[in-house]
Amino acid sequence: MHEYSIMEQVIESINTKLKEEKAQRVKVVNIRMGGTFQEGPVRQAFEMLVENTPLKETELVIEPFELVHNSEILTNDLHLT
């Protein structure tokens, strides 16, 4: 369900930009996705949300990436008492 609400926000931002730029369509939406999000639900949400909109023919490109945590940086930034 998080994927759906995130994609709603993404599409809302795209639609706002379309209006500002007076553009007719978007060819590709590129998303970098990591952490707890899964590609399948993100794609499904995107496809549901763009149906019957000017974004219907827009290609969704998802680039996965891994979040890397550096424990040394976290330890130095956190002060536990």
Protein backbone atom coordinates (compact mmCIF):
# COMPACT_ATOMS: atom_id res chain seq x y z
CA MET A 1 0.00 0.00 0.00
CA HIS A 2 2.94 2.35 0.56
CA GLU A 3 3.85 1.93 -3.09
CA TYR A 4 0.43 3.17 -4.18
CA SER A 5 0.56 6.33 -2.07
CA ILE A 6 4.14 7.06 -3.18
CA MET A 7 3.17 6.65 -6.83
CA GLU A 8 0.14 8.91 -6.30
CA GLN A 9 2.52 11.63 -5.13
CA VAL A 10 4.91 11.02 -8.03
CA ILE A 11 2.12 11.22 -10.59
CA GLU A 12 0.65 14.31 -8.94
CA SER A 13 4.07 15.98 -9.22
CA ILE A 14 4.37 14.97 -12.87
CA ASN A 15 0.90 16.29 -13.67
CA THR A 16 1.71 19.60 -11.95
CA LYS A 17 4.90 19.90 -13.99
CA LEU A 18 3.02 19.04 -17.20
CA LYS A 19 0.63 21.93 -16.57
CA GLU A 20 3.43 24.35 -15.65
CA GLU A 21 5.38 23.48 -18.78
CA LYS A 22 2.25 23.29 -20.95
CA ALA A 23 3.48 19.90 -22.16
CA GLN A 24 1.25 17.32 -23.79
CA ARG A 25 2.88 14.12 -22.63
CA VAL A 26 5.76 12.43 -20.84
CA LYS A 27 7.75 9.73 -22.61
CA VAL A 28 9.62 8.20 -19.66
CA VAL A 29 9.50 8.34 -15.88
CA ASN A 30 12.74 7.23 -14.23
CA ILE A 31 12.62 6.17 -10.59
CA ARG A 32 15.48 5.09 -8.35
CA MET A 33 14.04 2.66 -5.85
CA GLY A 34 15.64 1.06 -2.85
CA GLY A 35 14.90 -0.10 0.62
CA THR A 36 11.56 -1.66 1.36
CA PHE A 37 9.83 -0.95 -1.95
CA GLN A 38 9.24 -3.75 -4.43
CA GLU A 39 9.17 -3.26 -8.18
CA GLY A 40 5.98 -5.24 -8.87
CA PRO A 41 3.66 -3.22 -6.62
CA VAL A 42 5.25 0.06 -7.81
CA ARG A 43 4.60 -0.86 -11.45
CA GLN A 44 1.08 -2.00 -10.69
CA ALA A 45 0.28 1.24 -8.85
CA PHE A 46 1.76 3.31 -11.68
CA GLU A 47 -0.25 1.46 -14.33
CA MET A 48 -3.49 1.81 -12.34
CA LEU A 49 -2.95 5.51 -11.69
CA VAL A 50 -2.05 6.52 -15.26
CA GLU A 51 -4.88 4.62 -16.92
CA ASN A 52 -7.15 7.03 -18.83
CA THR A 53 -4.76 9.94 -18.27
CA PRO A 54 -2.25 11.74 -20.52
CA LEU A 55 0.43 9.57 -18.85
CA LYS A 56 -1.08 6.30 -20.12
CA GLU A 57 1.65 5.74 -22.74
CA THR A 58 4.47 6.79 -20.41
CA GLU A 59 7.22 4.24 -19.88
CA LEU A 60 8.20 3.55 -16.27
CA VAL A 61 11.90 2.78 -15.77
CA ILE A 62 12.86 1.57 -12.31
CA GLU A 63 16.50 1.58 -11.27
CA PRO A 64 17.03 -0.46 -8.11
CA PHE A 65 19.77 0.53 -5.70
CA GLU A 66 20.88 -0.73 -2.34
CA LEU A 67 20.94 1.49 0.66
CA VAL A 68 24.32 1.22 2.32
CA HIS A 69 24.68 2.00 5.98
CA ASN A 70 28.06 2.94 7.32
CA SER A 71 28.05 2.00 10.99
CA GLU A 72 31.11 4.17 11.67
CA ILE A 73 29.33 7.27 10.37
CA LEU A 74 26.17 6.37 12.26
CA THR A 75 28.13 5.82 15.45
CA ASN A 76 29.93 9.15 15.08
CA ASP A 77 26.69 11.01 14.36
CA LEU A 78 24.70 9.48 17.19
CA HIS A 79 25.45 10.39 20.77
CA LEU A 80 23.90 7.89 23.13
CA THR A 81 23.56 8.70 26.82
